[in-house]
Amino acid sequence: MGSSCKDIREQLAQCVLASDCVMAGGNSVKDCLRNPDLYDQLPSKCLLLRQQYYDCRRGMIDPRKRFRLNAPLPQNLDADEE
């Protein structure tokens, strides 16, 4: 896996592990991310990270972005929680 997506993947995993879907629902991380019926148990931050991870992975194989690389990860994702 490319190093540009590694940080997003780690943040996504931590976010989902701390969500109600895993903690209260007893579901696996895989189930929470793949089952659309469980999306309402994920915080908006996790859904945003999921989309960013998808875009990052897609950018790695998209021939139009291969030489331009992926955009850098935003530094302040917690600003909306304050």
C-alpha atoms as a PDB file:
ATOM      1  CA  MET A   1       0.000   0.000   0.000  1.00  0.00           C
ATOM      2  CA  GLY A   2       1.212   3.448  -0.790  1.00  0.00           C
ATOM      3  CA  SER A   3       2.421   5.526   2.090  1.00  0.00           C
ATOM      4  CA  SER A   4       0.110   8.387   1.115  1.00  0.00           C
ATOM      5  CA  CYS A   5      -2.962   6.325   2.115  1.00  0.00           C
ATOM      6  CA  LYS A   6      -1.485   4.747   5.240  1.00  0.00           C
ATOM      7  CA  ASP A   7      -2.300   7.665   7.556  1.00  0.00           C
ATOM      8  CA  ILE A   8      -5.901   7.862   6.367  1.00  0.00           C
ATOM      9  CA  ARG A   9      -6.332   4.112   6.810  1.00  0.00           C
ATOM     10  CA  GLU A  10      -5.041   4.245  10.387  1.00  0.00           C
ATOM     11  CA  GLN A  11      -7.295   7.183  11.259  1.00  0.00           C
ATOM     12  CA  LEU A  12     -10.275   5.392   9.711  1.00  0.00           C
ATOM     13  CA  ALA A  13      -9.579   2.225  11.702  1.00  0.00           C
ATOM     14  CA  GLN A  14      -9.301   4.152  14.991  1.00  0.00           C
ATOM     15  CA  CYS A  15     -12.475   6.104  14.249  1.00  0.00           C
ATOM     16  CA  VAL A  16     -14.523   2.991  13.482  1.00  0.00           C
ATOM     17  CA  LEU A  17     -13.144   1.114  16.500  1.00  0.00           C
ATOM     18  CA  ALA A  18     -14.339   3.958  18.753  1.00  0.00           C
ATOM     19  CA  SER A  19     -17.780   4.197  17.090  1.00  0.00           C
ATOM     20  CA  ASP A  20     -21.106   2.889  18.400  1.00  0.00           C
ATOM     21  CA  CYS A  21     -21.214   0.405  15.534  1.00  0.00           C
ATOM     22  CA  VAL A  22     -18.317  -1.569  17.049  1.00  0.00           C
ATOM     23  CA  MET A  23     -18.526  -0.632  20.724  1.00  0.00           C
ATOM     24  CA  ALA A  24     -22.266  -0.904  21.351  1.00  0.00           C
ATOM     25  CA  GLY A  25     -23.395  -2.901  18.333  1.00  0.00           C
ATOM     26  CA  GLY A  26     -20.788  -5.627  18.588  1.00  0.00           C
ATOM     27  CA  ASN A  27     -20.147  -5.556  14.853  1.00  0.00           C
ATOM     28  CA  SER A  28     -16.759  -5.988  13.234  1.00  0.00           C
ATOM     29  CA  VAL A  29     -14.982  -3.060  11.616  1.00  0.00           C
ATOM     30  CA  LYS A  30     -15.399  -4.777   8.252  1.00  0.00           C
ATOM     31  CA  ASP A  31     -19.162  -5.072   8.742  1.00  0.00           C
ATOM     32  CA  CYS A  32     -19.475  -1.436   9.806  1.00  0.00           C
ATOM     33  CA  LEU A  33     -17.663  -0.209   6.699  1.00  0.00           C
ATOM     34  CA  ARG A  34     -19.283  -2.529   4.157  1.00  0.00           C
ATOM     35  CA  ASN A  35     -22.889  -2.734   5.303  1.00  0.00           C
ATOM     36  CA  PRO A  36     -24.898   0.378   4.302  1.00  0.00           C
ATOM     37  CA  ASP A  37     -27.483  -0.409   6.989  1.00  0.00           C
ATOM     38  CA  LEU A  38     -24.852   0.246   9.677  1.00  0.00           C
ATOM     39  CA  TYR A  39     -23.693   3.631   8.318  1.00  0.00           C
ATOM     40  CA  ASP A  40     -26.091   5.478  10.633  1.00  0.00           C
ATOM     41  CA  GLN A  41     -24.096   4.154  13.615  1.00  0.00           C
ATOM     42  CA  LEU A  42     -20.867   5.705  12.316  1.00  0.00           C
ATOM     43  CA  PRO A  43     -19.971   9.335  13.086  1.00  0.00           C
ATOM     44  CA  SER A  44     -19.723  11.728  10.151  1.00  0.00           C
ATOM     45  CA  LYS A  45     -15.953  11.910  10.703  1.00  0.00           C
ATOM     46  CA  CYS A  46     -15.655   8.170   9.969  1.00  0.00           C
ATOM     47  CA  LEU A  47     -17.753   8.482   6.829  1.00  0.00           C
ATOM     48  CA  LEU A  48     -15.569  11.378   5.684  1.00  0.00           C
ATOM     49  CA  LEU A  49     -12.403   9.357   6.330  1.00  0.00           C
ATOM     50  CA  ARG A  50     -13.932   6.401   4.459  1.00  0.00           C
ATOM     51  CA  GLN A  51     -14.519   8.600   1.407  1.00  0.00           C
ATOM     52  CA  GLN A  52     -11.023  10.088   1.645  1.00  0.00           C
ATOM     53  CA  TYR A  53      -9.493   6.618   1.834  1.00  0.00           C
ATOM     54  CA  TYR A  54     -11.507   5.520  -1.198  1.00  0.00           C
ATOM     55  CA  ASP A  55     -10.380   8.608  -3.139  1.00  0.00           C
ATOM     56  CA  CYS A  56      -6.771   8.052  -2.092  1.00  0.00           C
ATOM     57  CA  ARG A  57      -6.772   4.421  -3.215  1.00  0.00           C
ATOM     58  CA  ARG A  58      -8.501   5.340  -6.449  1.00  0.00           C
ATOM     59  CA  GLY A  59      -5.943   8.066  -7.061  1.00  0.00           C
ATOM     60  CA  MET A  60      -3.158   5.513  -6.813  1.00  0.00           C
ATOM     61  CA  ILE A  61      -4.454   3.585  -9.822  1.00  0.00           C
ATOM     62  CA  ASP A  62      -5.961   6.470 -11.791  1.00  0.00           C
ATOM     63  CA  PRO A  63      -3.568   7.102 -14.702  1.00  0.00           C
ATOM     64  CA  ARG A  64      -4.482  10.799 -14.770  1.00  0.00           C
ATOM     65  CA  LYS A  65      -3.143  11.248 -11.219  1.00  0.00           C
ATOM     66  CA  ARG A  66      -0.177   8.904 -11.310  1.00  0.00           C
ATOM     67  CA  PHE A  67       2.356  11.651 -11.909  1.00  0.00           C
ATOM     68  CA  ARG A  68       0.593  14.334  -9.900  1.00  0.00           C
ATOM     69  CA  LEU A  69       0.207  12.124  -6.797  1.00  0.00           C
ATOM     70  CA  ASN A  70      -2.598  12.321  -4.265  1.00  0.00           C
ATOM     71  CA  ALA A  71      -3.532  15.504  -2.491  1.00  0.00           C
ATOM     72  CA  PRO A  72      -2.094  15.864   1.031  1.00  0.00           C
ATOM     73  CA  LEU A  73      -4.182  14.824   4.011  1.00  0.00           C
ATOM     74  CA  PRO A  74      -6.040  17.698   5.720  1.00  0.00           C
ATOM     75  CA  GLN A  75      -4.428  18.426   9.069  1.00  0.00           C
ATOM     76  CA  ASN A  76      -7.479  19.435  11.119  1.00  0.00           C
ATOM     77  CA  LEU A  77     -10.335  16.934  10.857  1.00  0.00           C
ATOM     78  CA  ASP A  78     -11.432  17.536  14.458  1.00  0.00           C
ATOM     79  CA  ALA A  79     -12.380  21.178  13.930  1.00  0.00           C
ATOM     80  CA  ASP A  80     -16.088  20.370  13.552  1.00  0.00           C
ATOM     81  CA  GLU A  81     -16.194  18.550  16.912  1.00  0.00           C
ATOM     82  CA  GLU A  82     -15.274  21.579  19.026  1.00  0.00           C
END
